[in-house]
Amino acid sequence: MKADPEFVREHYKSLSDEELMAVDRSDLVEMAQKYYDAELGRRGLARVRTPDRPSSAPVPPDNPPVETVETGREALESEDTPAWLDEAVEAYSIVVLPDAESRVADACQVLETAGIPCCSELIELTPEEKRPHPGTHRWRILVPANLNERAMSTLERDLANPEFEAAWKVHLETFSDDELPAMHPKIVFCGLYDRIDRAAKVYDEEVARRRLNRE
C-alpha cells in the first residue's frame, strides 16, 4: 500500500498524543511507519530506529525519511502491475481515520488467506463524499472483477459478521419469552434466506444447462 507522503505526515500530525500512541505500529506499512516514528520523535514521545541512524538518535522533526511514491492508480501501476488491474473493482473502502490502516491491513489479510488477489490505493474523497465524513481521503481495496462477489462476501463473513453476531446476541436478550419466537432468523431475515435460495437455484440451473458433472 502506498500513499502520498505529505498526506500521511499531516495525518499523524493531526492526531492527539493519546491517539498517536494508540496506533499499532505493526499494522502500518513501511512508509507509514517512518512517518509515524518521525511524529513520535517530533513530540518527544519516543526514540525510533531507522536504517541510517543509531537507535538512540531521534528522527529530526521536520525531515522524515524521504521516499518517492505516487498516489492512487499511478502507485499501483508503478509496481509489478497485475494483469487484472485494468478491470479491477472496489471490494472494500474506508475513510482515513486513526484505525483505517489496521482495518485495511486486516481486510487484505483476509483476502490473501482466501486466495483472492488484491491491491489497495489511497484516493481523495469527492466533494459529495466529504460532506458526511471528517476525512479527506479513503483507502480502497481492488480485486479482479470476476472475484468481486466472493471478495465482498469473504470480508463480510470474516470482518463484519463477528460484530453482527455480538450485536444480535445483545439485541435478542431484550425480548421476552413470548416475543422471542417472532425473532427467528428465518422470519427476521426472510429476504436474505430467499436470496440465498434463489442464488443456489439459478446456479444449479446453469450447471444443468451446461451439463456439467458436479462432484
N, C-alpha and C. Protein backbone atom coordinates (compact mmCIF):
# COMPACT_ATOMS: atom_id res chain seq x y z
N MET A 1 0.83 -1.17 0.00
CA MET A 1 0.00 0.00 0.00
C MET A 1 0.88 1.24 0.00
N LYS A 2 0.54 2.18 -0.83
CA LYS A 2 1.32 3.39 -0.90
C LYS A 2 0.41 4.60 -0.79
N ALA A 3 0.95 5.67 -0.29
CA ALA A 3 0.15 6.87 -0.13
C ALA A 3 1.01 8.08 -0.34
N ASP A 4 0.38 9.23 -0.49
CA ASP A 4 1.08 10.48 -0.62
C ASP A 4 1.80 10.76 0.70
N PRO A 5 3.13 10.91 0.71
CA PRO A 5 3.86 11.06 1.96
C PRO A 5 3.46 12.31 2.74
N GLU A 6 3.15 13.40 2.04
CA GLU A 6 2.78 14.62 2.73
C GLU A 6 1.45 14.44 3.45
N PHE A 7 0.51 13.73 2.82
CA PHE A 7 -0.77 13.48 3.47
C PHE A 7 -0.59 12.61 4.71
N VAL A 8 0.23 11.56 4.58
CA VAL A 8 0.46 10.67 5.73
C VAL A 8 1.09 11.44 6.88
N ARG A 9 2.06 12.30 6.59
CA ARG A 9 2.70 13.08 7.65
C ARG A 9 1.68 14.00 8.33
N GLU A 10 0.85 14.69 7.52
CA GLU A 10 -0.14 15.59 8.10
C GLU A 10 -1.19 14.83 8.90
N HIS A 11 -1.50 13.61 8.45
CA HIS A 11 -2.48 12.80 9.19
C HIS A 11 -1.99 12.50 10.60
N TYR A 12 -0.73 12.09 10.73
CA TYR A 12 -0.21 11.79 12.06
C TYR A 12 -0.04 13.05 12.90
N LYS A 13 0.27 14.17 12.26
CA LYS A 13 0.38 15.44 12.99
C LYS A 13 -0.97 15.87 13.55
N SER A 14 -2.07 15.45 12.91
CA SER A 14 -3.40 15.87 13.35
C SER A 14 -3.91 15.08 14.55
N LEU A 15 -3.26 13.97 14.88
CA LEU A 15 -3.71 13.14 16.00
C LEU A 15 -3.24 13.71 17.33
N SER A 16 -4.05 13.47 18.35
CA SER A 16 -3.62 13.83 19.70
C SER A 16 -2.53 12.86 20.15
N ASP A 17 -1.83 13.19 21.25
CA ASP A 17 -0.80 12.29 21.76
C ASP A 17 -1.40 10.91 22.07
N GLU A 18 -2.60 10.91 22.66
CA GLU A 18 -3.23 9.64 23.03
C GLU A 18 -3.58 8.82 21.80
N GLU A 19 -4.12 9.50 20.76
CA GLU A 19 -4.47 8.79 19.53
C GLU A 19 -3.23 8.27 18.83
N LEU A 20 -2.17 9.07 18.86
CA LEU A 20 -0.94 8.65 18.19
C LEU A 20 -0.34 7.43 18.88
N MET A 21 -0.30 7.45 20.20
CA MET A 21 0.27 6.33 20.94
C MET A 21 -0.59 5.08 20.83
N ALA A 22 -1.89 5.26 20.51
CA ALA A 22 -2.80 4.12 20.40
C ALA A 22 -2.65 3.38 19.07
N VAL A 23 -1.96 4.00 18.12
CA VAL A 23 -1.76 3.35 16.82
C VAL A 23 -0.84 2.15 16.98
N ASP A 24 -1.24 1.03 16.44
CA ASP A 24 -0.40 -0.17 16.48
C ASP A 24 0.59 -0.09 15.31
N ARG A 25 1.85 0.19 15.61
CA ARG A 25 2.85 0.40 14.56
C ARG A 25 2.99 -0.82 13.66
N SER A 26 2.81 -2.02 14.20
CA SER A 26 2.98 -3.23 13.41
C SER A 26 1.92 -3.38 12.32
N ASP A 27 0.80 -2.63 12.46
CA ASP A 27 -0.26 -2.69 11.45
C ASP A 27 0.02 -1.76 10.28
N LEU A 28 1.03 -0.91 10.39
CA LEU A 28 1.30 0.08 9.36
C LEU A 28 2.24 -0.46 8.29
N VAL A 29 2.08 0.03 7.07
CA VAL A 29 3.02 -0.30 6.02
C VAL A 29 4.34 0.42 6.30
N GLU A 30 5.40 0.01 5.61
CA GLU A 30 6.74 0.52 5.92
C GLU A 30 6.83 2.03 5.82
N MET A 31 6.27 2.60 4.75
CA MET A 31 6.34 4.05 4.59
C MET A 31 5.61 4.77 5.71
N ALA A 32 4.41 4.27 6.09
CA ALA A 32 3.64 4.89 7.15
C ALA A 32 4.37 4.78 8.49
N GLN A 33 5.09 3.68 8.70
CA GLN A 33 5.87 3.52 9.94
C GLN A 33 6.91 4.62 10.08
N LYS A 34 7.55 4.98 8.97
CA LYS A 34 8.59 6.02 9.02
C LYS A 34 8.02 7.36 9.45
N TYR A 35 6.86 7.71 8.91
CA TYR A 35 6.26 8.99 9.25
C TYR A 35 5.64 8.95 10.64
N TYR A 36 5.17 7.80 11.04
CA TYR A 36 4.67 7.62 12.40
C TYR A 36 5.81 7.81 13.41
N ASP A 37 6.96 7.16 13.13
CA ASP A 37 8.12 7.31 14.00
C ASP A 37 8.61 8.75 14.05
N ALA A 38 8.55 9.42 12.88
CA ALA A 38 9.00 10.81 12.82
C ALA A 38 8.14 11.70 13.70
N GLU A 39 6.82 11.45 13.70
CA GLU A 39 5.93 12.27 14.52
C GLU A 39 6.13 11.99 16.00
N LEU A 40 6.38 10.73 16.35
CA LEU A 40 6.71 10.42 17.75
C LEU A 40 7.97 11.17 18.18
N GLY A 41 8.97 11.15 17.30
CA GLY A 41 10.21 11.84 17.62
C GLY A 41 10.01 13.34 17.73
N ARG A 42 9.18 13.93 16.87
CA ARG A 42 8.94 15.37 16.90
C ARG A 42 8.31 15.80 18.21
N ARG A 43 7.45 14.93 18.76
CA ARG A 43 6.77 15.26 20.01
C ARG A 43 7.56 14.81 21.24
N GLY A 44 8.66 14.11 21.00
CA GLY A 44 9.44 13.63 22.13
C GLY A 44 8.78 12.50 22.88
N LEU A 45 7.91 11.76 22.20
CA LEU A 45 7.20 10.66 22.84
C LEU A 45 8.00 9.37 22.82
N ALA A 46 8.93 9.27 21.88
CA ALA A 46 9.73 8.05 21.77
C ALA A 46 10.92 8.32 20.89
N ARG A 47 11.92 7.47 21.03
CA ARG A 47 13.05 7.50 20.12
C ARG A 47 12.92 6.31 19.19
N VAL A 48 13.24 6.50 17.96
CA VAL A 48 12.96 5.47 16.96
C VAL A 48 14.23 5.04 16.27
N ARG A 49 14.16 3.92 15.61
CA ARG A 49 15.28 3.36 14.85
C ARG A 49 14.98 3.48 13.36
N THR A 50 15.91 3.96 12.61
CA THR A 50 15.80 3.99 11.15
C THR A 50 17.05 3.33 10.59
N PRO A 51 17.02 2.90 9.33
CA PRO A 51 18.17 2.18 8.78
C PRO A 51 19.46 2.98 8.81
N ASP A 52 19.41 4.31 8.76
CA ASP A 52 20.62 5.12 8.64
C ASP A 52 21.04 5.78 9.94
N ARG A 53 20.34 5.49 11.05
CA ARG A 53 20.64 6.18 12.31
C ARG A 53 20.75 5.17 13.44
N PRO A 54 21.57 5.44 14.44
CA PRO A 54 21.59 4.58 15.62
C PRO A 54 20.28 4.71 16.36
N SER A 55 19.95 3.66 17.13
CA SER A 55 18.66 3.64 17.80
C SER A 55 18.52 4.75 18.82
N SER A 56 19.59 5.35 19.28
CA SER A 56 19.49 6.39 20.30
C SER A 56 19.22 7.76 19.71
N ALA A 57 19.23 7.91 18.40
CA ALA A 57 19.06 9.22 17.80
C ALA A 57 17.64 9.40 17.29
N PRO A 58 16.94 10.47 17.73
CA PRO A 58 15.59 10.70 17.25
C PRO A 58 15.59 11.20 15.83
N VAL A 59 14.51 10.94 15.11
CA VAL A 59 14.38 11.44 13.76
C VAL A 59 14.13 12.94 13.82
N PRO A 60 14.87 13.75 13.05
CA PRO A 60 14.62 15.19 13.06
C PRO A 60 13.17 15.48 12.75
N PRO A 61 12.53 16.42 13.50
CA PRO A 61 11.09 16.62 13.40
C PRO A 61 10.61 17.04 12.02
N ASP A 62 11.36 17.85 11.30
CA ASP A 62 10.88 18.36 10.02
C ASP A 62 11.52 17.68 8.83
N ASN A 63 12.26 16.58 9.09
CA ASN A 63 12.95 15.91 8.00
C ASN A 63 12.75 14.41 8.07
N PRO A 64 11.53 13.94 7.89
CA PRO A 64 11.31 12.50 7.89
C PRO A 64 12.00 11.86 6.71
N PRO A 65 12.25 10.55 6.78
CA PRO A 65 12.92 9.87 5.68
C PRO A 65 12.21 10.15 4.36
N VAL A 66 12.98 10.39 3.31
CA VAL A 66 12.41 10.72 2.02
C VAL A 66 12.16 9.45 1.22
N GLU A 67 10.98 9.35 0.67
CA GLU A 67 10.64 8.20 -0.17
C GLU A 67 9.72 8.70 -1.27
N THR A 68 10.07 8.45 -2.49
CA THR A 68 9.27 8.91 -3.61
C THR A 68 8.16 7.91 -3.89
N VAL A 69 6.93 8.36 -3.76
CA VAL A 69 5.78 7.50 -4.00
C VAL A 69 4.75 8.27 -4.81
N GLU A 70 3.83 7.52 -5.42
CA GLU A 70 2.73 8.11 -6.12
C GLU A 70 1.46 7.76 -5.38
N THR A 71 0.36 8.41 -5.76
CA THR A 71 -0.91 8.11 -5.14
C THR A 71 -1.83 7.44 -6.13
N GLY A 72 -2.89 6.80 -5.60
CA GLY A 72 -3.94 6.25 -6.44
C GLY A 72 -3.45 5.24 -7.45
N ARG A 73 -4.07 5.25 -8.64
CA ARG A 73 -3.78 4.26 -9.66
C ARG A 73 -2.33 4.32 -10.13
N GLU A 74 -1.72 5.53 -10.12
CA GLU A 74 -0.33 5.64 -10.54
C GLU A 74 0.57 4.80 -9.65
N ALA A 75 0.27 4.77 -8.34
CA ALA A 75 1.08 3.99 -7.42
C ALA A 75 0.99 2.51 -7.73
N LEU A 76 -0.21 2.05 -8.06
CA LEU A 76 -0.38 0.64 -8.38
C LEU A 76 0.35 0.29 -9.67
N GLU A 77 0.24 1.16 -10.66
CA GLU A 77 0.83 0.85 -11.95
C GLU A 77 2.34 0.99 -11.96
N SER A 78 2.92 1.61 -10.90
CA SER A 78 4.37 1.75 -10.84
C SER A 78 5.03 0.48 -10.32
N GLU A 79 4.23 -0.44 -9.79
CA GLU A 79 4.76 -1.69 -9.26
C GLU A 79 4.61 -2.77 -10.33
N ASP A 80 4.77 -4.02 -9.93
CA ASP A 80 4.53 -5.13 -10.85
C ASP A 80 3.02 -5.23 -11.05
N THR A 81 2.55 -4.61 -12.10
CA THR A 81 1.11 -4.48 -12.31
C THR A 81 0.46 -5.84 -12.56
N PRO A 82 -0.55 -6.22 -11.76
CA PRO A 82 -1.25 -7.48 -12.01
C PRO A 82 -2.05 -7.38 -13.29
N ALA A 83 -2.21 -8.49 -13.97
CA ALA A 83 -2.90 -8.50 -15.26
C ALA A 83 -4.35 -8.06 -15.14
N TRP A 84 -4.94 -8.23 -13.96
CA TRP A 84 -6.36 -7.93 -13.79
C TRP A 84 -6.65 -6.49 -13.40
N LEU A 85 -5.63 -5.67 -13.22
CA LEU A 85 -5.82 -4.33 -12.67
C LEU A 85 -6.73 -3.46 -13.53
N ASP A 86 -6.62 -3.56 -14.86
CA ASP A 86 -7.42 -2.71 -15.74
C ASP A 86 -8.91 -2.97 -15.58
N GLU A 87 -9.28 -4.15 -15.12
CA GLU A 87 -10.69 -4.49 -14.94
C GLU A 87 -11.02 -4.71 -13.47
N ALA A 88 -10.21 -4.14 -12.59
CA ALA A 88 -10.42 -4.32 -11.16
C ALA A 88 -11.66 -3.55 -10.69
N VAL A 89 -12.25 -4.04 -9.61
CA VAL A 89 -13.40 -3.38 -9.00
C VAL A 89 -13.13 -3.21 -7.51
N GLU A 90 -13.84 -2.30 -6.90
CA GLU A 90 -13.66 -1.99 -5.48
C GLU A 90 -14.47 -2.94 -4.62
N ALA A 91 -13.80 -3.68 -3.75
CA ALA A 91 -14.48 -4.63 -2.87
C ALA A 91 -14.61 -4.11 -1.45
N TYR A 92 -13.81 -3.09 -1.10
CA TYR A 92 -13.81 -2.58 0.27
C TYR A 92 -13.30 -1.15 0.26
N SER A 93 -13.84 -0.32 1.13
CA SER A 93 -13.42 1.07 1.20
C SER A 93 -13.60 1.59 2.62
N ILE A 94 -12.68 2.46 3.05
CA ILE A 94 -12.79 3.05 4.38
C ILE A 94 -12.14 4.42 4.38
N VAL A 95 -12.83 5.40 4.97
CA VAL A 95 -12.29 6.75 5.09
C VAL A 95 -11.10 6.72 6.03
N VAL A 96 -10.08 7.50 5.71
CA VAL A 96 -8.87 7.52 6.53
C VAL A 96 -9.17 8.18 7.88
N LEU A 97 -9.18 7.37 8.91
CA LEU A 97 -9.33 7.78 10.29
C LEU A 97 -8.24 7.06 11.08
N PRO A 98 -8.10 7.32 12.39
CA PRO A 98 -6.97 6.73 13.13
C PRO A 98 -6.78 5.23 12.99
N ASP A 99 -7.86 4.46 12.85
CA ASP A 99 -7.70 3.00 12.77
C ASP A 99 -7.81 2.46 11.35
N ALA A 100 -7.80 3.34 10.35
CA ALA A 100 -8.05 2.90 8.98
C ALA A 100 -6.97 1.95 8.48
N GLU A 101 -5.69 2.26 8.78
CA GLU A 101 -4.61 1.42 8.26
C GLU A 101 -4.72 -0.01 8.76
N SER A 102 -5.07 -0.18 10.03
CA SER A 102 -5.17 -1.53 10.57
C SER A 102 -6.35 -2.27 9.97
N ARG A 103 -7.44 -1.56 9.70
CA ARG A 103 -8.60 -2.20 9.09
C ARG A 103 -8.29 -2.64 7.65
N VAL A 104 -7.58 -1.80 6.93
CA VAL A 104 -7.19 -2.16 5.57
C VAL A 104 -6.25 -3.36 5.60
N ALA A 105 -5.31 -3.35 6.53
CA ALA A 105 -4.38 -4.48 6.65
C ALA A 105 -5.14 -5.77 6.97
N ASP A 106 -6.13 -5.69 7.87
CA ASP A 106 -6.93 -6.86 8.20
C ASP A 106 -7.70 -7.36 6.98
N ALA A 107 -8.28 -6.43 6.23
CA ALA A 107 -9.06 -6.82 5.05
C ALA A 107 -8.17 -7.48 4.00
N CYS A 108 -6.98 -6.92 3.78
CA CYS A 108 -6.06 -7.52 2.81
C CYS A 108 -5.64 -8.91 3.26
N GLN A 109 -5.41 -9.08 4.56
CA GLN A 109 -5.00 -10.38 5.08
C GLN A 109 -6.10 -11.41 4.89
N VAL A 110 -7.35 -11.00 5.12
CA VAL A 110 -8.48 -11.91 4.93
C VAL A 110 -8.55 -12.37 3.48
N LEU A 111 -8.41 -11.44 2.56
CA LEU A 111 -8.49 -11.79 1.14
C LEU A 111 -7.33 -12.68 0.71
N GLU A 112 -6.14 -12.35 1.17
CA GLU A 112 -4.97 -13.15 0.81
C GLU A 112 -5.08 -14.56 1.36
N THR A 113 -5.60 -14.68 2.57
CA THR A 113 -5.78 -16.01 3.17
C THR A 113 -6.79 -16.83 2.36
N ALA A 114 -7.78 -16.14 1.80
CA ALA A 114 -8.80 -16.83 0.99
C ALA A 114 -8.33 -17.08 -0.44
N GLY A 115 -7.12 -16.65 -0.77
CA GLY A 115 -6.60 -16.85 -2.12
C GLY A 115 -7.13 -15.86 -3.14
N ILE A 116 -7.59 -14.70 -2.67
CA ILE A 116 -8.14 -13.68 -3.56
C ILE A 116 -7.12 -12.55 -3.71
N PRO A 117 -6.58 -12.34 -4.90
CA PRO A 117 -5.59 -11.27 -5.09
C PRO A 117 -6.22 -9.90 -4.88
N CYS A 118 -5.44 -8.95 -4.37
CA CYS A 118 -5.98 -7.62 -4.12
C CYS A 118 -4.87 -6.58 -4.16
N CYS A 119 -5.26 -5.34 -4.39
CA CYS A 119 -4.38 -4.19 -4.31
C CYS A 119 -5.11 -3.11 -3.55
N SER A 120 -4.38 -2.20 -2.92
CA SER A 120 -5.02 -1.10 -2.22
C SER A 120 -4.46 0.22 -2.73
N GLU A 121 -5.28 1.24 -2.69
CA GLU A 121 -4.84 2.56 -3.12
C GLU A 121 -5.52 3.62 -2.27
N LEU A 122 -4.87 4.76 -2.16
CA LEU A 122 -5.39 5.88 -1.40
C LEU A 122 -5.89 6.93 -2.39
N ILE A 123 -7.15 7.33 -2.25
CA ILE A 123 -7.71 8.32 -3.16
C ILE A 123 -8.38 9.43 -2.35
N GLU A 124 -8.47 10.60 -2.97
CA GLU A 124 -9.10 11.74 -2.31
C GLU A 124 -10.61 11.62 -2.41
N LEU A 125 -11.30 12.00 -1.32
CA LEU A 125 -12.74 11.97 -1.32
C LEU A 125 -13.28 13.03 -2.29
N THR A 126 -14.37 12.72 -2.94
CA THR A 126 -15.03 13.70 -3.78
C THR A 126 -15.75 14.70 -2.87
N PRO A 127 -16.13 15.87 -3.39
CA PRO A 127 -16.87 16.83 -2.56
C PRO A 127 -18.12 16.23 -1.95
N GLU A 128 -18.81 15.37 -2.69
CA GLU A 128 -20.01 14.73 -2.15
C GLU A 128 -19.68 13.79 -1.02
N GLU A 129 -18.57 13.06 -1.15
CA GLU A 129 -18.18 12.11 -0.11
C GLU A 129 -17.70 12.82 1.15
N LYS A 130 -17.14 14.01 0.99
CA LYS A 130 -16.60 14.73 2.15
C LYS A 130 -17.69 15.26 3.07
N ARG A 131 -18.88 15.47 2.55
CA ARG A 131 -19.93 16.10 3.35
C ARG A 131 -20.27 15.32 4.62
N PRO A 132 -20.47 14.00 4.53
CA PRO A 132 -20.82 13.28 5.78
C PRO A 132 -19.61 12.79 6.56
N HIS A 133 -18.38 13.04 6.07
CA HIS A 133 -17.20 12.48 6.71
C HIS A 133 -16.22 13.58 7.11
N PRO A 134 -15.48 13.39 8.21
CA PRO A 134 -14.46 14.36 8.60
C PRO A 134 -13.16 14.20 7.83
N GLY A 135 -12.97 13.07 7.14
CA GLY A 135 -11.72 12.81 6.44
C GLY A 135 -11.65 13.48 5.09
N THR A 136 -10.48 13.35 4.47
CA THR A 136 -10.26 13.91 3.13
C THR A 136 -9.88 12.84 2.11
N HIS A 137 -9.46 11.68 2.58
CA HIS A 137 -9.06 10.59 1.71
C HIS A 137 -9.69 9.29 2.19
N ARG A 138 -9.62 8.29 1.33
CA ARG A 138 -10.08 6.96 1.73
C ARG A 138 -9.21 5.90 1.08
N TRP A 139 -9.04 4.81 1.82
CA TRP A 139 -8.40 3.63 1.26
C TRP A 139 -9.47 2.81 0.56
N ARG A 140 -9.10 2.18 -0.56
CA ARG A 140 -9.99 1.23 -1.17
C ARG A 140 -9.18 0.02 -1.62
N ILE A 141 -9.81 -1.14 -1.53
CA ILE A 141 -9.18 -2.39 -1.92
C ILE A 141 -9.80 -2.86 -3.23
N LEU A 142 -8.94 -3.13 -4.20
CA LEU A 142 -9.37 -3.57 -5.52
C LEU A 142 -9.10 -5.05 -5.70
N VAL A 143 -10.02 -5.73 -6.36
CA VAL A 143 -9.89 -7.16 -6.64
C VAL A 143 -10.30 -7.41 -8.09
N PRO A 144 -9.93 -8.57 -8.66
CA PRO A 144 -10.39 -8.89 -10.01
C PRO A 144 -11.92 -8.88 -10.08
N ALA A 145 -12.46 -8.36 -11.19
CA ALA A 145 -13.91 -8.21 -11.30
C ALA A 145 -14.65 -9.53 -11.11
N ASN A 146 -14.08 -10.63 -11.62
CA ASN A 146 -14.77 -11.91 -11.53
C ASN A 146 -14.76 -12.50 -10.11
N LEU A 147 -14.01 -11.88 -9.22
CA LEU A 147 -13.95 -12.37 -7.83
C LEU A 147 -14.60 -11.38 -6.86
N ASN A 148 -15.29 -10.37 -7.38
CA ASN A 148 -15.81 -9.30 -6.53
C ASN A 148 -16.82 -9.81 -5.52
N GLU A 149 -17.82 -10.58 -5.98
CA GLU A 149 -18.84 -11.07 -5.05
C GLU A 149 -18.22 -11.95 -3.97
N ARG A 150 -17.29 -12.81 -4.38
CA ARG A 150 -16.64 -13.68 -3.41
C ARG A 150 -15.82 -12.87 -2.42
N ALA A 151 -15.12 -11.84 -2.91
CA ALA A 151 -14.31 -11.00 -2.04
C ALA A 151 -15.17 -10.28 -1.01
N MET A 152 -16.26 -9.67 -1.47
CA MET A 152 -17.12 -8.93 -0.54
C MET A 152 -17.76 -9.86 0.49
N SER A 153 -18.17 -11.04 0.05
CA SER A 153 -18.77 -12.00 0.98
C SER A 153 -17.75 -12.51 1.98
N THR A 154 -16.52 -12.72 1.53
CA THR A 154 -15.46 -13.19 2.44
C THR A 154 -15.15 -12.13 3.49
N LEU A 155 -15.08 -10.87 3.08
CA LEU A 155 -14.85 -9.79 4.04
C LEU A 155 -16.02 -9.66 5.01
N GLU A 156 -17.23 -9.82 4.49
CA GLU A 156 -18.40 -9.74 5.35
C GLU A 156 -18.37 -10.87 6.38
N ARG A 157 -18.03 -12.07 5.93
CA ARG A 157 -18.00 -13.23 6.83
C ARG A 157 -16.96 -13.07 7.92
N ASP A 158 -15.75 -12.66 7.54
CA ASP A 158 -14.64 -12.67 8.49
C ASP A 158 -14.48 -11.38 9.29
N LEU A 159 -15.00 -10.26 8.76
CA LEU A 159 -14.83 -8.98 9.46
C LEU A 159 -16.14 -8.45 10.04
N ALA A 160 -17.19 -8.43 9.23
CA ALA A 160 -18.44 -7.83 9.68
C ALA A 160 -19.32 -8.79 10.49
N ASN A 161 -19.37 -10.04 10.09
CA ASN A 161 -20.29 -10.97 10.75
C ASN A 161 -20.00 -11.20 12.23
N PRO A 162 -18.73 -11.30 12.65
CA PRO A 162 -18.49 -11.44 14.10
C PRO A 162 -19.04 -10.27 14.90
N GLU A 163 -18.95 -9.05 14.35
CA GLU A 163 -19.51 -7.88 15.03
C GLU A 163 -21.04 -7.95 15.04
N PHE A 164 -21.61 -8.39 13.90
CA PHE A 164 -23.06 -8.53 13.84
C PHE A 164 -23.54 -9.57 14.86
N GLU A 165 -22.83 -10.68 14.96
CA GLU A 165 -23.22 -11.74 15.90
C GLU A 165 -23.30 -11.21 17.32
N ALA A 166 -22.30 -10.44 17.72
CA ALA A 166 -22.28 -9.90 19.07
C ALA A 166 -23.45 -8.93 19.29
N ALA A 167 -23.72 -8.08 18.30
CA ALA A 167 -24.81 -7.12 18.42
C ALA A 167 -26.17 -7.82 18.42
N TRP A 168 -26.30 -8.86 17.59
CA TRP A 168 -27.56 -9.62 17.51
C TRP A 168 -27.85 -10.32 18.82
N LYS A 169 -26.82 -10.85 19.46
CA LYS A 169 -26.98 -11.52 20.75
C LYS A 169 -27.53 -10.55 21.79
N VAL A 170 -26.94 -9.36 21.84
CA VAL A 170 -27.40 -8.34 22.79
C VAL A 170 -28.84 -7.93 22.48
N HIS A 171 -29.14 -7.81 21.19
CA HIS A 171 -30.49 -7.41 20.77
C HIS A 171 -31.53 -8.44 21.20
N LEU A 172 -31.25 -9.73 21.00
CA LEU A 172 -32.21 -10.78 21.35
C LEU A 172 -32.47 -10.83 22.85
N GLU A 173 -31.48 -10.49 23.63
CA GLU A 173 -31.64 -10.53 25.08
C GLU A 173 -32.67 -9.53 25.59
N THR A 174 -33.05 -8.57 24.76
CA THR A 174 -34.02 -7.55 25.19
C THR A 174 -35.47 -8.03 25.03
N PHE A 175 -35.70 -9.17 24.37
CA PHE A 175 -37.05 -9.65 24.12
C PHE A 175 -37.51 -10.61 25.21
N SER A 176 -38.81 -10.59 25.46
CA SER A 176 -39.39 -11.51 26.44
C SER A 176 -39.52 -12.90 25.82
N ASP A 177 -39.85 -13.87 26.66
CA ASP A 177 -40.04 -15.24 26.16
C ASP A 177 -41.14 -15.29 25.11
N ASP A 178 -42.18 -14.50 25.29
CA ASP A 178 -43.29 -14.51 24.35
C ASP A 178 -42.91 -13.84 23.02
N GLU A 179 -42.02 -12.86 23.09
CA GLU A 179 -41.63 -12.11 21.89
C GLU A 179 -40.54 -12.82 21.08
N LEU A 180 -39.73 -13.63 21.74
CA LEU A 180 -38.57 -14.22 21.10
C LEU A 180 -38.88 -15.07 19.86
N PRO A 181 -39.94 -15.90 19.86
CA PRO A 181 -40.21 -16.71 18.67
C PRO A 181 -40.36 -15.89 17.39
N ALA A 182 -40.87 -14.67 17.50
CA ALA A 182 -41.05 -13.82 16.32
C ALA A 182 -39.74 -13.29 15.78
N MET A 183 -38.66 -13.50 16.54
CA MET A 183 -37.34 -13.02 16.12
C MET A 183 -36.51 -14.13 15.50
N HIS A 184 -37.14 -15.24 15.13
CA HIS A 184 -36.40 -16.32 14.48
C HIS A 184 -35.73 -15.77 13.22
N PRO A 185 -34.48 -16.14 12.97
CA PRO A 185 -33.77 -15.60 11.80
C PRO A 185 -34.50 -15.77 10.48
N LYS A 186 -35.20 -16.90 10.30
CA LYS A 186 -35.89 -17.12 9.04
C LYS A 186 -37.09 -16.18 8.87
N ILE A 187 -37.52 -15.58 9.98
CA ILE A 187 -38.60 -14.60 9.91
C ILE A 187 -38.01 -13.20 9.72
N VAL A 188 -37.06 -12.86 10.58
CA VAL A 188 -36.48 -11.51 10.54
C VAL A 188 -35.68 -11.28 9.27
N PHE A 189 -34.94 -12.29 8.84
CA PHE A 189 -34.08 -12.16 7.66
C PHE A 189 -34.61 -12.98 6.49
N CYS A 190 -35.94 -12.95 6.32
CA CYS A 190 -36.57 -13.75 5.25
C CYS A 190 -36.03 -13.36 3.87
N GLY A 191 -35.74 -12.09 3.68
CA GLY A 191 -35.21 -11.66 2.39
C GLY A 191 -33.85 -12.24 2.10
N LEU A 192 -33.00 -12.33 3.14
CA LEU A 192 -31.68 -12.91 2.97
C LEU A 192 -31.77 -14.40 2.65
N TYR A 193 -32.64 -15.12 3.38
CA TYR A 193 -32.81 -16.55 3.11
C TYR A 193 -33.33 -16.76 1.69
N ASP A 194 -34.26 -15.91 1.26
CA ASP A 194 -34.81 -16.04 -0.08
C ASP A 194 -33.74 -15.79 -1.14
N ARG A 195 -32.87 -14.82 -0.90
CA ARG A 195 -31.80 -14.52 -1.86
C ARG A 195 -30.86 -15.71 -2.00
N ILE A 196 -30.51 -16.33 -0.87
CA ILE A 196 -29.62 -17.49 -0.92
C ILE A 196 -30.27 -18.63 -1.69
N ASP A 197 -31.57 -18.88 -1.43
CA ASP A 197 -32.28 -19.94 -2.15
C ASP A 197 -32.30 -19.66 -3.65
N ARG A 198 -32.54 -18.41 -4.02
CA ARG A 198 -32.60 -18.05 -5.43
C ARG A 198 -31.22 -18.19 -6.09
N ALA A 199 -30.17 -17.77 -5.36
CA ALA A 199 -28.82 -17.88 -5.90
C ALA A 199 -28.45 -19.33 -6.14
N ALA A 200 -28.78 -20.22 -5.19
CA ALA A 200 -28.49 -21.64 -5.34
C ALA A 200 -29.29 -22.25 -6.49
N LYS A 201 -30.56 -21.83 -6.62
CA LYS A 201 -31.42 -22.36 -7.67
C LYS A 201 -30.88 -21.98 -9.06
N VAL A 202 -30.53 -20.73 -9.24
CA VAL A 202 -30.03 -20.27 -10.53
C VAL A 202 -28.70 -20.94 -10.87
N TYR A 203 -27.85 -21.11 -9.85
CA TYR A 203 -26.58 -21.78 -10.07
C TYR A 203 -26.80 -23.22 -10.53
N ASP A 204 -27.68 -23.95 -9.85
CA ASP A 204 -27.96 -25.33 -10.22
C ASP A 204 -28.52 -25.42 -11.64
N GLU A 205 -29.36 -24.45 -11.99
CA GLU A 205 -29.94 -24.45 -13.33
C GLU A 205 -28.85 -24.21 -14.39
N GLU A 206 -27.89 -23.35 -14.10
CA GLU A 206 -26.83 -23.08 -15.06
C GLU A 206 -25.91 -24.28 -15.21
N VAL A 207 -25.63 -24.95 -14.11
CA VAL A 207 -24.82 -26.17 -14.18
C VAL A 207 -25.53 -27.23 -15.02
N ALA A 208 -26.83 -27.36 -14.80
CA ALA A 208 -27.60 -28.34 -15.58
C ALA A 208 -27.64 -27.96 -17.06
N ARG A 209 -27.78 -26.65 -17.36
CA ARG A 209 -27.83 -26.21 -18.75
C ARG A 209 -26.54 -26.54 -19.49
N ARG A 210 -25.44 -26.44 -18.77
CA ARG A 210 -24.14 -26.74 -19.39
C ARG A 210 -23.80 -28.23 -19.33
N ARG A 211 -24.66 -28.98 -18.64
CA ARG A 211 -24.45 -30.43 -18.49
C ARG A 211 -23.09 -30.74 -17.88
N LEU A 212 -22.78 -29.97 -16.85
CA LEU A 212 -21.52 -30.18 -16.15
C LEU A 212 -21.72 -31.24 -15.08
N ASN A 213 -20.71 -32.03 -14.88
CA ASN A 213 -20.77 -33.08 -13.87
C ASN A 213 -20.18 -32.54 -12.57
N ARG A 214 -21.04 -32.36 -11.57
CA ARG A 214 -20.59 -31.87 -10.27
C ARG A 214 -20.32 -33.02 -9.34
N GLU A 215 -19.18 -32.94 -8.65
CA GLU A 215 -18.86 -33.98 -7.67
C GLU A 215 -19.52 -33.62 -6.34
